[in-house]
Amino acid sequence: EGKIGARVIRGGSWSNRPVYLRMSYQKGFNADDRTTNIGF
């Protein structure tokens, strides 16, 4: 959403329900943070 610091993540993960795995779904996550279900 144009906010510096939060990058778009897409695709969902092993811990998510189907709604989050849709191609149109995106979410913001702080680019300085790390977690076991985000990669590149």
PDB file of all heavy atoms in Angstrom:
ATOM      1  N   GLU A   1       0.821  -1.214   0.000  1.00  0.00           N
ATOM      2  CA  GLU A   1       0.000   0.000   0.000  1.00  0.00           C
ATOM      3  C   GLU A   1       0.851   1.257   0.000  1.00  0.00           C
ATOM      4  O   GLU A   1       0.493   2.269   0.603  1.00  0.00           O
ATOM      5  CB  GLU A   1      -0.976  -0.015   1.174  1.00  0.00           C
ATOM      6  CG  GLU A   1      -1.971  -1.153   1.093  1.00  0.00           C
ATOM      7  CD  GLU A   1      -2.971  -1.171   2.235  1.00  0.00           C
ATOM      8  OE1 GLU A   1      -2.817  -0.420   3.223  1.00  0.00           O
ATOM      9  OE2 GLU A   1      -3.916  -1.965   2.138  1.00  0.00           O
ATOM     10  N   GLY A   2       2.013   1.189  -0.658  1.00  0.00           N
ATOM     11  CA  GLY A   2       2.894   2.349  -0.784  1.00  0.00           C
ATOM     12  C   GLY A   2       3.616   2.748   0.491  1.00  0.00           C
ATOM     13  O   GLY A   2       4.270   3.782   0.541  1.00  0.00           O
ATOM     14  N   LYS A   3       3.515   1.951   1.538  1.00  0.00           N
ATOM     15  CA  LYS A   3       4.128   2.285   2.824  1.00  0.00           C
ATOM     16  C   LYS A   3       5.573   1.778   2.874  1.00  0.00           C
ATOM     17  O   LYS A   3       5.838   0.602   2.695  1.00  0.00           O
ATOM     18  CB  LYS A   3       3.344   1.659   3.975  1.00  0.00           C
ATOM     19  CG  LYS A   3       1.934   2.175   4.084  1.00  0.00           C
ATOM     20  CD  LYS A   3       1.176   1.455   5.175  1.00  0.00           C
ATOM     21  CE  LYS A   3      -0.262   1.927   5.184  1.00  0.00           C
ATOM     22  NZ  LYS A   3      -1.092   1.122   6.061  1.00  0.00           N
ATOM     23  N   ILE A   4       6.495   2.682   3.116  1.00  0.00           N
ATOM     24  CA  ILE A   4       7.894   2.300   3.243  1.00  0.00           C
ATOM     25  C   ILE A   4       8.054   1.441   4.499  1.00  0.00           C
ATOM     26  O   ILE A   4       7.542   1.764   5.566  1.00  0.00           O
ATOM     27  CB  ILE A   4       8.800   3.553   3.339  1.00  0.00           C
ATOM     28  CG1 ILE A   4       8.621   4.436   2.102  1.00  0.00           C
ATOM     29  CG2 ILE A   4      10.254   3.156   3.527  1.00  0.00           C
ATOM     30  CD1 ILE A   4       8.988   3.772   0.788  1.00  0.00           C
ATOM     31  N   GLY A   5       8.742   0.335   4.363  1.00  0.00           N
ATOM     32  CA  GLY A   5       8.988  -0.558   5.492  1.00  0.00           C
ATOM     33  C   GLY A   5       8.210  -1.856   5.425  1.00  0.00           C
ATOM     34  O   GLY A   5       8.656  -2.872   5.938  1.00  0.00           O
ATOM     35  N   ALA A   6       7.037  -1.839   4.787  1.00  0.00           N
ATOM     36  CA  ALA A   6       6.228  -3.059   4.665  1.00  0.00           C
ATOM     37  C   ALA A   6       6.213  -3.510   3.212  1.00  0.00           C
ATOM     38  O   ALA A   6       5.703  -2.822   2.340  1.00  0.00           O
ATOM     39  CB  ALA A   6       4.804  -2.807   5.154  1.00  0.00           C
ATOM     40  N   ARG A   7       6.792  -4.656   2.946  1.00  0.00           N
ATOM     41  CA  ARG A   7       6.814  -5.221   1.597  1.00  0.00           C
ATOM     42  C   ARG A   7       5.620  -6.145   1.384  1.00  0.00           C
ATOM     43  O   ARG A   7       5.095  -6.735   2.324  1.00  0.00           O
ATOM     44  CB  ARG A   7       8.083  -6.042   1.376  1.00  0.00           C
ATOM     45  CG  ARG A   7       9.328  -5.232   1.331  1.00  0.00           C
ATOM     46  CD  ARG A   7       9.637  -4.868  -0.086  1.00  0.00           C
ATOM     47  NE  ARG A   7      10.932  -4.193  -0.111  1.00  0.00           N
ATOM     48  CZ  ARG A   7      11.285  -3.374  -1.064  1.00  0.00           C
ATOM     49  NH1 ARG A   7      10.470  -3.121  -2.061  1.00  0.00           N
ATOM     50  NH2 ARG A   7      12.454  -2.802  -1.038  1.00  0.00           N
ATOM     51  N   VAL A   8       5.226  -6.276   0.129  1.00  0.00           N
ATOM     52  CA  VAL A   8       4.163  -7.208  -0.236  1.00  0.00           C
ATOM     53  C   VAL A   8       4.694  -8.633  -0.140  1.00  0.00           C
ATOM     54  O   VAL A   8       5.820  -8.910  -0.540  1.00  0.00           O
ATOM     55  CB  VAL A   8       3.668  -6.934  -1.675  1.00  0.00           C
ATOM     56  CG1 VAL A   8       2.744  -8.038  -2.158  1.00  0.00           C
ATOM     57  CG2 VAL A   8       2.986  -5.575  -1.760  1.00  0.00           C
ATOM     58  N   ILE A   9       3.876  -9.526   0.410  1.00  0.00           N
ATOM     59  CA  ILE A   9       4.138 -10.960   0.341  1.00  0.00           C
ATOM     60  C   ILE A   9       2.917 -11.601  -0.309  1.00  0.00           C
ATOM     61  O   ILE A   9       1.798 -11.119  -0.154  1.00  0.00           O
ATOM     62  CB  ILE A   9       4.458 -11.594   1.719  1.00  0.00           C
ATOM     63  CG1 ILE A   9       3.352 -11.335   2.738  1.00  0.00           C
ATOM     64  CG2 ILE A   9       5.804 -11.114   2.229  1.00  0.00           C
ATOM     65  CD1 ILE A   9       3.567 -12.049   4.086  1.00  0.00           C
ATOM     66  N   ARG A  10       3.139 -12.676  -1.049  1.00  0.00           N
ATOM     67  CA  ARG A  10       2.063 -13.341  -1.783  1.00  0.00           C
ATOM     68  C   ARG A  10       2.209 -14.846  -1.709  1.00  0.00           C
ATOM     69  O   ARG A  10       3.289 -15.362  -1.472  1.00  0.00           O
ATOM     70  CB  ARG A  10       2.086 -12.958  -3.264  1.00  0.00           C
ATOM     71  CG  ARG A  10       1.665 -11.558  -3.549  1.00  0.00           C
ATOM     72  CD  ARG A  10       1.609 -11.360  -5.073  1.00  0.00           C
ATOM     73  NE  ARG A  10       1.090 -10.081  -5.421  1.00  0.00           N
ATOM     74  CZ  ARG A  10      -0.183  -9.806  -5.631  1.00  0.00           C
ATOM     75  NH1 ARG A  10      -1.089 -10.753  -5.521  1.00  0.00           N
ATOM     76  NH2 ARG A  10      -0.573  -8.600  -5.955  1.00  0.00           N
ATOM     77  N   GLY A  11       1.117 -15.542  -1.968  1.00  0.00           N
ATOM     78  CA  GLY A  11       1.141 -16.982  -2.144  1.00  0.00           C
ATOM     79  C   GLY A  11       0.751 -17.819  -0.952  1.00  0.00           C
ATOM     80  O   GLY A  11       0.498 -19.005  -1.078  1.00  0.00           O
ATOM     81  N   GLY A  12       0.710 -17.237   0.225  1.00  0.00           N
ATOM     82  CA  GLY A  12       0.379 -18.013   1.419  1.00  0.00           C
ATOM     83  C   GLY A  12       1.462 -19.019   1.769  1.00  0.00           C
ATOM     84  O   GLY A  12       2.484 -19.117   1.098  1.00  0.00           O
ATOM     85  N   SER A  13       1.249 -19.768   2.836  1.00  0.00           N
ATOM     86  CA  SER A  13       2.266 -20.715   3.291  1.00  0.00           C
ATOM     87  C   SER A  13       1.644 -22.006   3.787  1.00  0.00           C
ATOM     88  O   SER A  13       0.431 -22.183   3.773  1.00  0.00           O
ATOM     89  CB  SER A  13       3.098 -20.092   4.413  1.00  0.00           C
ATOM     90  OG  SER A  13       2.405 -20.151   5.645  1.00  0.00           O
ATOM     91  N   TRP A  14       2.511 -22.873   4.289  1.00  0.00           N
ATOM     92  CA  TRP A  14       2.093 -24.164   4.844  1.00  0.00           C
ATOM     93  C   TRP A  14       1.149 -24.006   6.037  1.00  0.00           C
ATOM     94  O   TRP A  14       0.427 -24.923   6.379  1.00  0.00           O
ATOM     95  CB  TRP A  14       3.312 -24.984   5.257  1.00  0.00           C
ATOM     96  CG  TRP A  14       4.242 -24.265   6.190  1.00  0.00           C
ATOM     97  CD1 TRP A  14       5.346 -23.535   5.844  1.00  0.00           C
ATOM     98  CD2 TRP A  14       4.144 -24.192   7.606  1.00  0.00           C
ATOM     99  NE1 TRP A  14       5.939 -23.006   6.960  1.00  0.00           N
ATOM    100  CE2 TRP A  14       5.223 -23.397   8.071  1.00  0.00           C
ATOM    101  CE3 TRP A  14       3.261 -24.720   8.543  1.00  0.00           C
ATOM    102  CZ2 TRP A  14       5.436 -23.121   9.406  1.00  0.00           C
ATOM    103  CZ3 TRP A  14       3.474 -24.433   9.886  1.00  0.00           C
ATOM    104  CH2 TRP A  14       4.549 -23.651  10.296  1.00  0.00           C
ATOM    105  N   SER A  15       1.127 -22.833   6.655  1.00  0.00           N
ATOM    106  CA  SER A  15       0.288 -22.623   7.832  1.00  0.00           C
ATOM    107  C   SER A  15      -1.023 -21.894   7.532  1.00  0.00           C
ATOM    108  O   SER A  15      -1.768 -21.576   8.445  1.00  0.00           O
ATOM    109  CB  SER A  15       1.074 -21.842   8.890  1.00  0.00           C
ATOM    110  OG  SER A  15       1.377 -20.543   8.423  1.00  0.00           O
ATOM    111  N   ASN A  16      -1.309 -21.641   6.251  1.00  0.00           N
ATOM    112  CA  ASN A  16      -2.484 -20.843   5.891  1.00  0.00           C
ATOM    113  C   ASN A  16      -3.613 -21.641   5.266  1.00  0.00           C
ATOM    114  O   ASN A  16      -3.408 -22.652   4.627  1.00  0.00           O
ATOM    115  CB  ASN A  16      -2.087 -19.735   4.912  1.00  0.00           C
ATOM    116  CG  ASN A  16      -1.166 -18.728   5.529  1.00  0.00           C
ATOM    117  OD1 ASN A  16      -0.070 -18.543   5.037  1.00  0.00           O
ATOM    118  ND2 ASN A  16      -1.580 -18.086   6.606  1.00  0.00           N
ATOM    119  N   ARG A  17      -4.821 -21.081   5.430  1.00  0.00           N
ATOM    120  CA  ARG A  17      -6.029 -21.626   4.813  1.00  0.00           C
ATOM    121  C   ARG A  17      -6.087 -21.176   3.345  1.00  0.00           C
ATOM    122  O   ARG A  17      -5.410 -20.230   2.959  1.00  0.00           O
ATOM    123  CB  ARG A  17      -7.261 -21.116   5.553  1.00  0.00           C
ATOM    124  CG  ARG A  17      -7.434 -21.727   6.932  1.00  0.00           C
ATOM    125  CD  ARG A  17      -8.698 -21.188   7.589  1.00  0.00           C
ATOM    126  NE  ARG A  17      -9.196 -21.741   8.796  1.00  0.00           N
ATOM    127  CZ  ARG A  17      -8.556 -22.215   9.847  1.00  0.00           C
ATOM    128  NH1 ARG A  17      -7.287 -22.259   9.849  1.00  0.00           N
ATOM    129  NH2 ARG A  17      -9.158 -22.656  10.921  1.00  0.00           N
ATOM    130  N   PRO A  18      -6.939 -21.825   2.535  1.00  0.00           N
ATOM    131  CA  PRO A  18      -7.008 -21.542   1.096  1.00  0.00           C
ATOM    132  C   PRO A  18      -7.229 -20.089   0.704  1.00  0.00           C
ATOM    133  O   PRO A  18      -6.683 -19.637  -0.307  1.00  0.00           O
ATOM    134  CB  PRO A  18      -8.179 -22.414   0.625  1.00  0.00           C
ATOM    135  CG  PRO A  18      -8.195 -23.553   1.575  1.00  0.00           C
ATOM    136  CD  PRO A  18      -7.790 -22.966   2.902  1.00  0.00           C
ATOM    137  N   VAL A  19      -7.997 -19.327   1.457  1.00  0.00           N
ATOM    138  CA  VAL A  19      -8.259 -17.936   1.080  1.00  0.00           C
ATOM    139  C   VAL A  19      -6.962 -17.141   0.933  1.00  0.00           C
ATOM    140  O   VAL A  19      -6.848 -16.273   0.075  1.00  0.00           O
ATOM    141  CB  VAL A  19      -9.226 -17.252   2.081  1.00  0.00           C
ATOM    142  CG1 VAL A  19      -8.607 -17.109   3.450  1.00  0.00           C
ATOM    143  CG2 VAL A  19      -9.697 -15.917   1.545  1.00  0.00           C
ATOM    144  N   TYR A  20      -5.944 -17.453   1.719  1.00  0.00           N
ATOM    145  CA  TYR A  20      -4.677 -16.735   1.671  1.00  0.00           C
ATOM    146  C   TYR A  20      -3.761 -17.218   0.549  1.00  0.00           C
ATOM    147  O   TYR A  20      -2.755 -16.599   0.256  1.00  0.00           O
ATOM    148  CB  TYR A  20      -3.947 -16.851   3.005  1.00  0.00           C
ATOM    149  CG  TYR A  20      -4.749 -16.290   4.148  1.00  0.00           C
ATOM    150  CD1 TYR A  20      -5.327 -17.133   5.088  1.00  0.00           C
ATOM    151  CD2 TYR A  20      -4.957 -14.923   4.265  1.00  0.00           C
ATOM    152  CE1 TYR A  20      -6.086 -16.617   6.129  1.00  0.00           C
ATOM    153  CE2 TYR A  20      -5.715 -14.400   5.301  1.00  0.00           C
ATOM    154  CZ  TYR A  20      -6.284 -15.256   6.229  1.00  0.00           C
ATOM    155  OH  TYR A  20      -7.038 -14.746   7.248  1.00  0.00           O
ATOM    156  N   LEU A  21      -4.111 -18.326  -0.089  1.00  0.00           N
ATOM    157  CA  LEU A  21      -3.308 -18.892  -1.163  1.00  0.00           C
ATOM    158  C   LEU A  21      -3.781 -18.454  -2.545  1.00  0.00           C
ATOM    159  O   LEU A  21      -3.192 -18.807  -3.552  1.00  0.00           O
ATOM    160  CB  LEU A  21      -3.311 -20.421  -1.081  1.00  0.00           C
ATOM    161  CG  LEU A  21      -2.361 -21.048  -0.069  1.00  0.00           C
ATOM    162  CD1 LEU A  21      -2.640 -20.643   1.349  1.00  0.00           C
ATOM    163  CD2 LEU A  21      -2.381 -22.550  -0.188  1.00  0.00           C
ATOM    164  N   ARG A  22      -4.843 -17.668  -2.611  1.00  0.00           N
ATOM    165  CA  ARG A  22      -5.349 -17.178  -3.895  1.00  0.00           C
ATOM    166  C   ARG A  22      -4.324 -16.257  -4.548  1.00  0.00           C
ATOM    167  O   ARG A  22      -3.618 -15.510  -3.880  1.00  0.00           O
ATOM    168  CB  ARG A  22      -6.637 -16.397  -3.699  1.00  0.00           C
ATOM    169  CG  ARG A  22      -7.777 -17.230  -3.224  1.00  0.00           C
ATOM    170  CD  ARG A  22      -8.991 -16.371  -3.059  1.00  0.00           C
ATOM    171  NE  ARG A  22     -10.068 -17.127  -2.450  1.00  0.00           N
ATOM    172  CZ  ARG A  22     -11.154 -16.572  -1.957  1.00  0.00           C
ATOM    173  NH1 ARG A  22     -11.312 -15.270  -1.997  1.00  0.00           N
ATOM    174  NH2 ARG A  22     -12.074 -17.327  -1.417  1.00  0.00           N
ATOM    175  N   MET A  23      -4.280 -16.283  -5.863  1.00  0.00           N
ATOM    176  CA  MET A  23      -3.321 -15.466  -6.603  1.00  0.00           C
ATOM    177  C   MET A  23      -3.553 -13.965  -6.389  1.00  0.00           C
ATOM    178  O   MET A  23      -2.613 -13.189  -6.446  1.00  0.00           O
ATOM    179  CB  MET A  23      -3.388 -15.780  -8.100  1.00  0.00           C
ATOM    180  CG  MET A  23      -2.999 -17.205  -8.440  1.00  0.00           C
ATOM    181  SD  MET A  23      -1.254 -17.586  -8.155  1.00  0.00           S
ATOM    182  CE  MET A  23      -1.216 -18.096  -6.452  1.00  0.00           C
ATOM    183  N   SER A  24      -4.764 -13.569  -6.135  1.00  0.00           N
ATOM    184  CA  SER A  24      -5.082 -12.151  -5.955  1.00  0.00           C
ATOM    185  C   SER A  24      -4.785 -11.641  -4.546  1.00  0.00           C
ATOM    186  O   SER A  24      -4.761 -10.433  -4.325  1.00  0.00           O
ATOM    187  CB  SER A  24      -6.554 -11.905  -6.276  1.00  0.00           C
ATOM    188  OG  SER A  24      -7.372 -12.651  -5.392  1.00  0.00           O
ATOM    189  N   TYR A  25      -4.557 -12.532  -3.589  1.00  0.00           N
ATOM    190  CA  TYR A  25      -4.370 -12.107  -2.202  1.00  0.00           C
ATOM    191  C   TYR A  25      -2.938 -11.649  -1.965  1.00  0.00           C
ATOM    192  O   TYR A  25      -1.981 -12.297  -2.362  1.00  0.00           O
ATOM    193  CB  TYR A  25      -4.700 -13.247  -1.238  1.00  0.00           C
ATOM    194  CG  TYR A  25      -4.730 -12.784   0.193  1.00  0.00           C
ATOM    195  CD1 TYR A  25      -5.878 -12.220   0.723  1.00  0.00           C
ATOM    196  CD2 TYR A  25      -3.605 -12.874   1.000  1.00  0.00           C
ATOM    197  CE1 TYR A  25      -5.908 -11.767   2.038  1.00  0.00           C
ATOM    198  CE2 TYR A  25      -3.626 -12.424   2.309  1.00  0.00           C
ATOM    199  CZ  TYR A  25      -4.781 -11.861   2.817  1.00  0.00           C
ATOM    200  OH  TYR A  25      -4.797 -11.410   4.112  1.00  0.00           O
ATOM    201  N   GLN A  26      -2.814 -10.514  -1.319  1.00  0.00           N
ATOM    202  CA  GLN A  26      -1.502 -10.024  -0.898  1.00  0.00           C
ATOM    203  C   GLN A  26      -1.600  -9.485   0.508  1.00  0.00           C
ATOM    204  O   GLN A  26      -2.664  -9.107   0.973  1.00  0.00           O
ATOM    205  CB  GLN A  26      -0.958  -8.977  -1.852  1.00  0.00           C
ATOM    206  CG  GLN A  26      -1.735  -7.691  -1.859  1.00  0.00           C
ATOM    207  CD  GLN A  26      -1.104  -6.658  -2.771  1.00  0.00           C
ATOM    208  OE1 GLN A  26      -0.117  -6.911  -3.446  1.00  0.00           O
ATOM    209  NE2 GLN A  26      -1.684  -5.483  -2.804  1.00  0.00           N
ATOM    210  N   LYS A  27      -0.476  -9.420   1.147  1.00  0.00           N
ATOM    211  CA  LYS A  27      -0.413  -8.999   2.536  1.00  0.00           C
ATOM    212  C   LYS A  27       0.863  -8.184   2.709  1.00  0.00           C
ATOM    213  O   LYS A  27       1.817  -8.345   1.941  1.00  0.00           O
ATOM    214  CB  LYS A  27      -0.385 -10.273   3.372  1.00  0.00           C
ATOM    215  CG  LYS A  27      -0.324 -10.141   4.836  1.00  0.00           C
ATOM    216  CD  LYS A  27      -0.436 -11.545   5.452  1.00  0.00           C
ATOM    217  CE  LYS A  27      -0.117 -11.492   6.914  1.00  0.00           C
ATOM    218  NZ  LYS A  27      -0.361 -12.763   7.580  1.00  0.00           N
ATOM    219  N   GLY A  28       0.901  -7.325   3.704  1.00  0.00           N
ATOM    220  CA  GLY A  28       2.109  -6.563   3.992  1.00  0.00           C
ATOM    221  C   GLY A  28       2.834  -7.141   5.193  1.00  0.00           C
ATOM    222  O   GLY A  28       2.210  -7.658   6.119  1.00  0.00           O
ATOM    223  N   PHE A  29       4.155  -7.097   5.136  1.00  0.00           N
ATOM    224  CA  PHE A  29       4.961  -7.604   6.239  1.00  0.00           C
ATOM    225  C   PHE A  29       6.190  -6.724   6.350  1.00  0.00           C
ATOM    226  O   PHE A  29       6.787  -6.340   5.338  1.00  0.00           O
ATOM    227  CB  PHE A  29       5.362  -9.064   5.975  1.00  0.00           C
ATOM    228  CG  PHE A  29       5.810  -9.797   7.205  1.00  0.00           C
ATOM    229  CD1 PHE A  29       4.885 -10.334   8.094  1.00  0.00           C
ATOM    230  CD2 PHE A  29       7.155  -9.952   7.473  1.00  0.00           C
ATOM    231  CE1 PHE A  29       5.304 -11.005   9.234  1.00  0.00           C
ATOM    232  CE2 PHE A  29       7.581 -10.629   8.604  1.00  0.00           C
ATOM    233  CZ  PHE A  29       6.648 -11.154   9.485  1.00  0.00           C
ATOM    234  N   ASN A  30       6.581  -6.409   7.563  1.00  0.00           N
ATOM    235  CA  ASN A  30       7.732  -5.555   7.791  1.00  0.00           C
ATOM    236  C   ASN A  30       8.982  -6.205   7.186  1.00  0.00           C
ATOM    237  O   ASN A  30       9.332  -7.335   7.524  1.00  0.00           O
ATOM    238  CB  ASN A  30       7.928  -5.321   9.284  1.00  0.00           C
ATOM    239  CG  ASN A  30       9.021  -4.310   9.571  1.00  0.00           C
ATOM    240  OD1 ASN A  30      10.006  -4.213   8.869  1.00  0.00           O
ATOM    241  ND2 ASN A  30       8.829  -3.551  10.629  1.00  0.00           N
ATOM    242  N   ALA A  31       9.645  -5.497   6.305  1.00  0.00           N
ATOM    243  CA  ALA A  31      10.797  -6.036   5.576  1.00  0.00           C
ATOM    244  C   ALA A  31      11.986  -6.357   6.480  1.00  0.00           C
ATOM    245  O   ALA A  31      12.887  -7.089   6.081  1.00  0.00           O
ATOM    246  CB  ALA A  31      11.221  -5.060   4.487  1.00  0.00           C
ATOM    247  N   ASP A  32      12.006  -5.839   7.695  1.00  0.00           N
ATOM    248  CA  ASP A  32      13.105  -6.121   8.626  1.00  0.00           C
ATOM    249  C   ASP A  32      12.848  -7.362   9.475  1.00  0.00           C
ATOM    250  O   ASP A  32      13.745  -7.835  10.162  1.00  0.00           O
ATOM    251  CB  ASP A  32      13.345  -4.933   9.567  1.00  0.00           C
ATOM    252  CG  ASP A  32      13.907  -3.732   8.831  1.00  0.00           C
ATOM    253  OD1 ASP A  32      14.594  -3.928   7.810  1.00  0.00           O
ATOM    254  OD2 ASP A  32      13.640  -2.606   9.275  1.00  0.00           O
ATOM    255  N   ASP A  33      11.633  -7.880   9.446  1.00  0.00           N
ATOM    256  CA  ASP A  33      11.281  -9.039  10.265  1.00  0.00           C
ATOM    257  C   ASP A  33      11.473 -10.348   9.502  1.00  0.00           C
ATOM    258  O   ASP A  33      11.470 -10.370   8.279  1.00  0.00           O
ATOM    259  CB  ASP A  33       9.827  -8.941  10.734  1.00  0.00           C
ATOM    260  CG  ASP A  33       9.624  -7.816  11.725  1.00  0.00           C
ATOM    261  OD1 ASP A  33      10.611  -7.347  12.313  1.00  0.00           O
ATOM    262  OD2 ASP A  33       8.464  -7.401  11.901  1.00  0.00           O
ATOM    263  N   ARG A  34      11.631 -11.427  10.234  1.00  0.00           N
ATOM    264  CA  ARG A  34      11.782 -12.760   9.637  1.00  0.00           C
ATOM    265  C   ARG A  34      10.856 -13.732  10.350  1.00  0.00           C
ATOM    266  O   ARG A  34      10.539 -13.572  11.519  1.00  0.00           O
ATOM    267  CB  ARG A  34      13.218 -13.271   9.777  1.00  0.00           C
ATOM    268  CG  ARG A  34      14.264 -12.360   9.153  1.00  0.00           C
ATOM    269  CD  ARG A  34      14.118 -12.324   7.629  1.00  0.00           C
ATOM    270  NE  ARG A  34      15.057 -11.395   7.037  1.00  0.00           N
ATOM    271  CZ  ARG A  34      14.741 -10.176   6.615  1.00  0.00           C
ATOM    272  NH1 ARG A  34      13.524  -9.724   6.749  1.00  0.00           N
ATOM    273  NH2 ARG A  34      15.633  -9.403   6.073  1.00  0.00           N
ATOM    274  N   THR A  35      10.446 -14.773   9.623  1.00  0.00           N
ATOM    275  CA  THR A  35       9.608 -15.820  10.180  1.00  0.00           C
ATOM    276  C   THR A  35       9.806 -17.097   9.374  1.00  0.00           C
ATOM    277  O   THR A  35      10.355 -17.054   8.274  1.00  0.00           O
ATOM    278  CB  THR A  35       8.118 -15.390  10.212  1.00  0.00           C
ATOM    279  OG1 THR A  35       7.348 -16.405  10.829  1.00  0.00           O
ATOM    280  CG2 THR A  35       7.591 -15.098   8.837  1.00  0.00           C
ATOM    281  N   THR A  36       9.368 -18.224   9.887  1.00  0.00           N
ATOM    282  CA  THR A  36       9.608 -19.509   9.226  1.00  0.00           C
ATOM    283  C   THR A  36       8.717 -19.763   8.024  1.00  0.00           C
ATOM    284  O   THR A  36       8.923 -20.738   7.315  1.00  0.00           O
ATOM    285  CB  THR A  36       9.402 -20.672  10.220  1.00  0.00           C
ATOM    286  OG1 THR A  36       8.057 -20.627  10.710  1.00  0.00           O
ATOM    287  CG2 THR A  36      10.383 -20.600  11.357  1.00  0.00           C
ATOM    288  N   ASN A  37       7.742 -18.902   7.778  1.00  0.00           N
ATOM    289  CA  ASN A  37       6.856 -19.165   6.646  1.00  0.00           C
ATOM    290  C   ASN A  37       6.911 -18.093   5.552  1.00  0.00           C
ATOM    291  O   ASN A  37       6.004 -17.968   4.756  1.00  0.00           O
ATOM    292  CB  ASN A  37       5.418 -19.388   7.120  1.00  0.00           C
ATOM    293  CG  ASN A  37       4.807 -18.183   7.766  1.00  0.00           C
ATOM    294  OD1 ASN A  37       5.492 -17.219   8.092  1.00  0.00           O
ATOM    295  ND2 ASN A  37       3.504 -18.218   7.965  1.00  0.00           N
ATOM    296  N   ILE A  38       8.003 -17.323   5.501  1.00  0.00           N
ATOM    297  CA  ILE A  38       8.220 -16.357   4.422  1.00  0.00           C
ATOM    298  C   ILE A  38       9.588 -16.632   3.810  1.00  0.00           C
ATOM    299  O   ILE A  38      10.569 -16.845   4.519  1.00  0.00           O
ATOM    300  CB  ILE A  38       8.163 -14.894   4.924  1.00  0.00           C
ATOM    301  CG1 ILE A  38       6.799 -14.584   5.525  1.00  0.00           C
ATOM    302  CG2 ILE A  38       8.461 -13.935   3.772  1.00  0.00           C
ATOM    303  CD1 ILE A  38       6.689 -13.182   6.100  1.00  0.00           C
ATOM    304  N   GLY A  39       9.633 -16.624   2.487  1.00  0.00           N
ATOM    305  CA  GLY A  39      10.894 -16.859   1.784  1.00  0.00           C
ATOM    306  C   GLY A  39      10.947 -16.033   0.509  1.00  0.00           C
ATOM    307  O   GLY A  39      10.204 -15.081   0.334  1.00  0.00           O
ATOM    308  N   PHE A  40      11.832 -16.411  -0.389  1.00  0.00           N
ATOM    309  CA  PHE A  40      11.929 -15.726  -1.669  1.00  0.00           C
ATOM    310  C   PHE A  40      12.244 -16.748  -2.742  1.00  0.00           C
ATOM    311  O   PHE A  40      12.669 -17.858  -2.469  1.00  0.00           O
ATOM    312  CB  PHE A  40      12.963 -14.594  -1.641  1.00  0.00           C
ATOM    313  CG  PHE A  40      14.345 -15.043  -1.272  1.00  0.00           C
ATOM    314  CD1 PHE A  40      15.261 -15.383  -2.250  1.00  0.00           C
ATOM    315  CD2 PHE A  40      14.729 -15.126   0.068  1.00  0.00           C
ATOM    316  CE1 PHE A  40      16.533 -15.802  -1.905  1.00  0.00           C
ATOM    317  CE2 PHE A  40      16.005 -15.531   0.413  1.00  0.00           C
ATOM    318  CZ  PHE A  40      16.907 -15.873  -0.574  1.00  0.00           C
TER     319      PHE A  40
END
